[in-house]
Amino acid sequence: MYQAKYFDEVAADILEAKKWYKQQQDGLEERFATAIEEIILKILKMPTAYGIRYKNIRIAHPKIFPYNIHFYIDEPTETVVFTGIIFNKKYNALYLKR
């Protein structure tokens, strides 16, 4: 399994999303955190399973929540560097219509 490294923005992204989800429904913030943790563990096991989307950045998505997890692989150190967890507005518009 690869090592993980996080930009400071990742923690801020997660905290902001958890705060928003907590306001929507009690306990939803924990479901969000679990979904993010699960996809990060999948990424660390097989980071090359996710294609490069731009420059050297790959993007993964949790199953339920409309967020994109941006990361790149530092092969020499076998490290996955997470650069951001970004709200996907386009997907959210579809998600809210369900």
N, C-alpha and C. Protein backbone atom coordinates (compact mmCIF):
# COMPACT_ATOMS: atom_id res chain seq x y z
N MET A 1 0.85 -1.18 0.00
CA MET A 1 0.00 0.00 0.00
C MET A 1 0.89 1.24 0.00
N TYR A 2 0.44 2.24 -0.73
CA TYR A 2 1.16 3.51 -0.81
C TYR A 2 0.98 4.31 0.48
N GLN A 3 1.90 5.22 0.72
CA GLN A 3 1.78 6.17 1.83
C GLN A 3 0.88 7.32 1.38
N ALA A 4 0.32 8.03 2.33
CA ALA A 4 -0.53 9.18 2.01
C ALA A 4 0.11 10.47 2.51
N LYS A 5 -0.05 11.51 1.72
CA LYS A 5 0.36 12.85 2.10
C LYS A 5 -0.77 13.78 1.68
N TYR A 6 -1.06 14.77 2.50
CA TYR A 6 -2.21 15.65 2.26
C TYR A 6 -1.79 17.12 2.22
N PHE A 7 -2.27 17.84 1.23
CA PHE A 7 -2.15 19.29 1.26
C PHE A 7 -3.02 19.80 2.41
N ASP A 8 -2.67 20.95 2.96
CA ASP A 8 -3.46 21.52 4.06
C ASP A 8 -4.92 21.75 3.66
N GLU A 9 -5.15 22.04 2.39
CA GLU A 9 -6.51 22.32 1.91
C GLU A 9 -7.44 21.12 2.07
N VAL A 10 -6.89 19.92 2.06
CA VAL A 10 -7.73 18.72 2.16
C VAL A 10 -8.47 18.69 3.48
N ALA A 11 -7.79 18.96 4.57
CA ALA A 11 -8.45 18.98 5.89
C ALA A 11 -9.53 20.05 5.92
N ALA A 12 -9.24 21.21 5.37
CA ALA A 12 -10.23 22.29 5.33
C ALA A 12 -11.43 21.90 4.47
N ASP A 13 -11.19 21.23 3.35
CA ASP A 13 -12.27 20.78 2.48
C ASP A 13 -13.19 19.81 3.22
N ILE A 14 -12.59 18.87 3.93
CA ILE A 14 -13.38 17.87 4.66
C ILE A 14 -14.17 18.51 5.79
N LEU A 15 -13.53 19.39 6.55
CA LEU A 15 -14.23 20.04 7.66
C LEU A 15 -15.40 20.88 7.17
N GLU A 16 -15.21 21.59 6.07
CA GLU A 16 -16.28 22.42 5.52
C GLU A 16 -17.46 21.55 5.06
N ALA A 17 -17.16 20.45 4.39
CA ALA A 17 -18.21 19.55 3.91
C ALA A 17 -18.94 18.90 5.09
N LYS A 18 -18.18 18.46 6.09
CA LYS A 18 -18.82 17.84 7.26
C LYS A 18 -19.74 18.82 7.97
N LYS A 19 -19.33 20.05 8.07
CA LYS A 19 -20.16 21.07 8.71
C LYS A 19 -21.47 21.24 7.95
N TRP A 20 -21.37 21.32 6.62
CA TRP A 20 -22.56 21.49 5.80
C TRP A 20 -23.49 20.29 5.94
N TYR A 21 -22.94 19.07 5.87
CA TYR A 21 -23.77 17.87 5.97
C TYR A 21 -24.41 17.74 7.35
N LYS A 22 -23.72 18.15 8.38
CA LYS A 22 -24.30 18.10 9.74
C LYS A 22 -25.52 19.01 9.83
N GLN A 23 -25.49 20.15 9.14
CA GLN A 23 -26.63 21.07 9.14
C GLN A 23 -27.81 20.49 8.37
N GLN A 24 -27.54 19.60 7.42
CA GLN A 24 -28.60 19.03 6.61
C GLN A 24 -29.36 17.92 7.33
N GLN A 25 -28.58 17.07 8.02
CA GLN A 25 -29.19 15.92 8.71
C GLN A 25 -28.21 15.40 9.75
N ASP A 26 -28.70 15.17 10.94
CA ASP A 26 -27.85 14.67 12.01
C ASP A 26 -27.25 13.31 11.62
N GLY A 27 -25.95 13.19 11.74
CA GLY A 27 -25.26 11.95 11.42
C GLY A 27 -24.77 11.86 9.99
N LEU A 28 -25.26 12.74 9.12
CA LEU A 28 -24.86 12.69 7.72
C LEU A 28 -23.38 13.04 7.55
N GLU A 29 -22.85 13.88 8.44
CA GLU A 29 -21.44 14.24 8.36
C GLU A 29 -20.54 13.03 8.59
N GLU A 30 -20.99 12.10 9.44
CA GLU A 30 -20.21 10.89 9.70
C GLU A 30 -20.26 9.95 8.50
N ARG A 31 -21.41 9.87 7.84
CA ARG A 31 -21.51 9.06 6.63
C ARG A 31 -20.59 9.61 5.55
N PHE A 32 -20.52 10.95 5.46
CA PHE A 32 -19.62 11.59 4.50
C PHE A 32 -18.16 11.23 4.82
N ALA A 33 -17.79 11.38 6.08
CA ALA A 33 -16.41 11.09 6.49
C ALA A 33 -16.04 9.63 6.20
N THR A 34 -16.96 8.73 6.45
CA THR A 34 -16.72 7.31 6.19
C THR A 34 -16.55 7.06 4.70
N ALA A 35 -17.39 7.68 3.88
CA ALA A 35 -17.29 7.52 2.43
C ALA A 35 -15.94 8.03 1.91
N ILE A 36 -15.49 9.15 2.44
CA ILE A 36 -14.20 9.71 2.03
C ILE A 36 -13.06 8.79 2.47
N GLU A 37 -13.14 8.30 3.69
CA GLU A 37 -12.11 7.39 4.20
C GLU A 37 -12.03 6.12 3.35
N GLU A 38 -13.18 5.57 2.98
CA GLU A 38 -13.21 4.35 2.18
C GLU A 38 -12.55 4.55 0.81
N ILE A 39 -12.86 5.66 0.16
CA ILE A 39 -12.28 5.87 -1.17
C ILE A 39 -10.78 6.17 -1.07
N ILE A 40 -10.36 6.85 -0.02
CA ILE A 40 -8.93 7.10 0.16
C ILE A 40 -8.18 5.79 0.35
N LEU A 41 -8.75 4.86 1.11
CA LEU A 41 -8.11 3.55 1.30
C LEU A 41 -8.02 2.79 -0.02
N LYS A 42 -9.06 2.88 -0.85
CA LYS A 42 -9.02 2.25 -2.17
C LYS A 42 -7.93 2.87 -3.03
N ILE A 43 -7.83 4.18 -2.98
CA ILE A 43 -6.79 4.87 -3.76
C ILE A 43 -5.41 4.41 -3.32
N LEU A 44 -5.18 4.33 -2.01
CA LEU A 44 -3.87 3.94 -1.51
C LEU A 44 -3.49 2.52 -1.89
N LYS A 45 -4.48 1.65 -2.07
CA LYS A 45 -4.20 0.28 -2.49
C LYS A 45 -3.85 0.19 -3.96
N MET A 46 -4.57 0.97 -4.80
CA MET A 46 -4.35 0.90 -6.25
C MET A 46 -4.50 2.27 -6.89
N PRO A 47 -3.58 3.17 -6.65
CA PRO A 47 -3.74 4.53 -7.18
C PRO A 47 -3.73 4.61 -8.70
N THR A 48 -3.06 3.69 -9.36
CA THR A 48 -3.00 3.74 -10.82
C THR A 48 -4.30 3.27 -11.48
N ALA A 49 -5.25 2.79 -10.70
CA ALA A 49 -6.55 2.39 -11.24
C ALA A 49 -7.35 3.61 -11.70
N TYR A 50 -6.95 4.78 -11.25
CA TYR A 50 -7.62 6.02 -11.59
C TYR A 50 -6.79 6.75 -12.64
N GLY A 51 -7.42 7.06 -13.75
CA GLY A 51 -6.70 7.68 -14.85
C GLY A 51 -6.32 9.13 -14.58
N ILE A 52 -5.30 9.57 -15.29
CA ILE A 52 -4.87 10.97 -15.20
C ILE A 52 -5.90 11.82 -15.94
N ARG A 53 -6.39 12.85 -15.26
CA ARG A 53 -7.44 13.69 -15.83
C ARG A 53 -6.88 15.00 -16.38
N TYR A 54 -5.91 15.59 -15.70
CA TYR A 54 -5.25 16.79 -16.19
C TYR A 54 -3.89 16.87 -15.54
N LYS A 55 -2.94 17.39 -16.30
CA LYS A 55 -1.54 17.43 -15.86
C LYS A 55 -1.19 16.06 -15.30
N ASN A 56 -0.86 15.96 -14.03
CA ASN A 56 -0.50 14.69 -13.41
C ASN A 56 -1.56 14.28 -12.37
N ILE A 57 -2.70 14.94 -12.40
CA ILE A 57 -3.73 14.76 -11.38
C ILE A 57 -4.74 13.68 -11.78
N ARG A 58 -5.03 12.83 -10.83
CA ARG A 58 -6.05 11.79 -10.98
C ARG A 58 -7.24 12.18 -10.11
N ILE A 59 -8.41 11.67 -10.45
CA ILE A 59 -9.61 12.01 -9.69
C ILE A 59 -10.38 10.74 -9.36
N ALA A 60 -10.80 10.65 -8.10
CA ALA A 60 -11.64 9.54 -7.65
C ALA A 60 -12.91 10.13 -7.04
N HIS A 61 -13.95 9.30 -6.96
CA HIS A 61 -15.24 9.77 -6.45
C HIS A 61 -15.75 8.80 -5.39
N PRO A 62 -16.23 9.31 -4.27
CA PRO A 62 -16.91 8.41 -3.33
C PRO A 62 -18.21 7.94 -3.96
N LYS A 63 -18.75 6.83 -3.48
CA LYS A 63 -19.95 6.24 -4.09
C LYS A 63 -21.17 7.14 -4.01
N ILE A 64 -21.38 7.80 -2.89
CA ILE A 64 -22.64 8.50 -2.68
C ILE A 64 -22.52 10.01 -2.80
N PHE A 65 -21.52 10.59 -2.23
CA PHE A 65 -21.44 12.04 -2.11
C PHE A 65 -20.81 12.69 -3.34
N PRO A 66 -21.30 13.87 -3.73
CA PRO A 66 -20.84 14.53 -4.96
C PRO A 66 -19.54 15.31 -4.78
N TYR A 67 -18.46 14.59 -4.54
CA TYR A 67 -17.15 15.20 -4.36
C TYR A 67 -16.14 14.50 -5.25
N ASN A 68 -15.14 15.24 -5.67
CA ASN A 68 -14.01 14.71 -6.43
C ASN A 68 -12.78 14.76 -5.54
N ILE A 69 -12.07 13.66 -5.46
CA ILE A 69 -10.83 13.61 -4.69
C ILE A 69 -9.68 13.69 -5.69
N HIS A 70 -8.93 14.78 -5.62
CA HIS A 70 -7.83 15.03 -6.55
C HIS A 70 -6.52 14.59 -5.89
N PHE A 71 -5.70 13.88 -6.67
CA PHE A 71 -4.43 13.39 -6.13
C PHE A 71 -3.45 13.11 -7.26
N TYR A 72 -2.19 12.99 -6.88
CA TYR A 72 -1.18 12.52 -7.82
C TYR A 72 -0.29 11.52 -7.12
N ILE A 73 0.44 10.75 -7.90
CA ILE A 73 1.30 9.70 -7.37
C ILE A 73 2.75 10.13 -7.48
N ASP A 74 3.47 10.06 -6.37
CA ASP A 74 4.91 10.27 -6.36
C ASP A 74 5.54 8.87 -6.32
N GLU A 75 5.81 8.35 -7.50
CA GLU A 75 6.29 6.96 -7.61
C GLU A 75 7.61 6.69 -6.86
N PRO A 76 8.61 7.59 -6.95
CA PRO A 76 9.87 7.27 -6.26
C PRO A 76 9.70 7.02 -4.76
N THR A 77 8.76 7.71 -4.13
CA THR A 77 8.55 7.52 -2.69
C THR A 77 7.32 6.66 -2.37
N GLU A 78 6.65 6.17 -3.43
CA GLU A 78 5.42 5.39 -3.28
C GLU A 78 4.43 6.10 -2.37
N THR A 79 4.19 7.36 -2.72
CA THR A 79 3.29 8.22 -1.95
C THR A 79 2.18 8.74 -2.85
N VAL A 80 0.96 8.73 -2.32
CA VAL A 80 -0.15 9.37 -2.98
C VAL A 80 -0.33 10.72 -2.30
N VAL A 81 -0.29 11.78 -3.08
CA VAL A 81 -0.42 13.14 -2.55
C VAL A 81 -1.82 13.65 -2.89
N PHE A 82 -2.62 13.86 -1.85
CA PHE A 82 -3.98 14.36 -2.02
C PHE A 82 -3.95 15.88 -2.02
N THR A 83 -4.48 16.46 -3.10
CA THR A 83 -4.39 17.91 -3.27
C THR A 83 -5.69 18.63 -2.92
N GLY A 84 -6.81 17.93 -2.97
CA GLY A 84 -8.07 18.57 -2.63
C GLY A 84 -9.24 17.61 -2.71
N ILE A 85 -10.28 17.94 -1.98
CA ILE A 85 -11.55 17.22 -2.06
C ILE A 85 -12.57 18.29 -2.42
N ILE A 86 -13.04 18.21 -3.65
CA ILE A 86 -13.78 19.32 -4.25
C ILE A 86 -15.22 18.93 -4.53
N PHE A 87 -16.12 19.82 -4.15
CA PHE A 87 -17.55 19.66 -4.40
C PHE A 87 -17.80 19.66 -5.89
N ASN A 88 -18.55 18.70 -6.37
CA ASN A 88 -18.85 18.57 -7.79
C ASN A 88 -20.24 19.13 -8.04
N LYS A 89 -20.34 20.39 -8.43
CA LYS A 89 -21.63 21.06 -8.62
C LYS A 89 -22.48 20.39 -9.68
N LYS A 90 -21.87 20.00 -10.77
CA LYS A 90 -22.63 19.39 -11.87
C LYS A 90 -23.32 18.12 -11.38
N TYR A 91 -22.56 17.27 -10.70
CA TYR A 91 -23.13 16.02 -10.20
C TYR A 91 -24.19 16.31 -9.14
N ASN A 92 -23.94 17.29 -8.30
CA ASN A 92 -24.88 17.59 -7.22
C ASN A 92 -26.23 18.03 -7.77
N ALA A 93 -26.26 18.75 -8.88
CA ALA A 93 -27.51 19.18 -9.48
C ALA A 93 -28.34 17.95 -9.87
N LEU A 94 -27.69 16.93 -10.40
CA LEU A 94 -28.39 15.70 -10.75
C LEU A 94 -28.80 14.94 -9.51
N TYR A 95 -27.94 14.92 -8.52
CA TYR A 95 -28.17 14.18 -7.27
C TYR A 95 -29.39 14.74 -6.54
N LEU A 96 -29.54 16.05 -6.52
CA LEU A 96 -30.64 16.68 -5.81
C LEU A 96 -31.98 16.47 -6.50
N LYS A 97 -31.98 16.18 -7.81
CA LYS A 97 -33.22 15.98 -8.56
C LYS A 97 -33.82 14.60 -8.30
N ARG A 98 -33.07 13.69 -7.74
CA ARG A 98 -33.56 12.32 -7.50
C ARG A 98 -34.60 12.27 -6.42
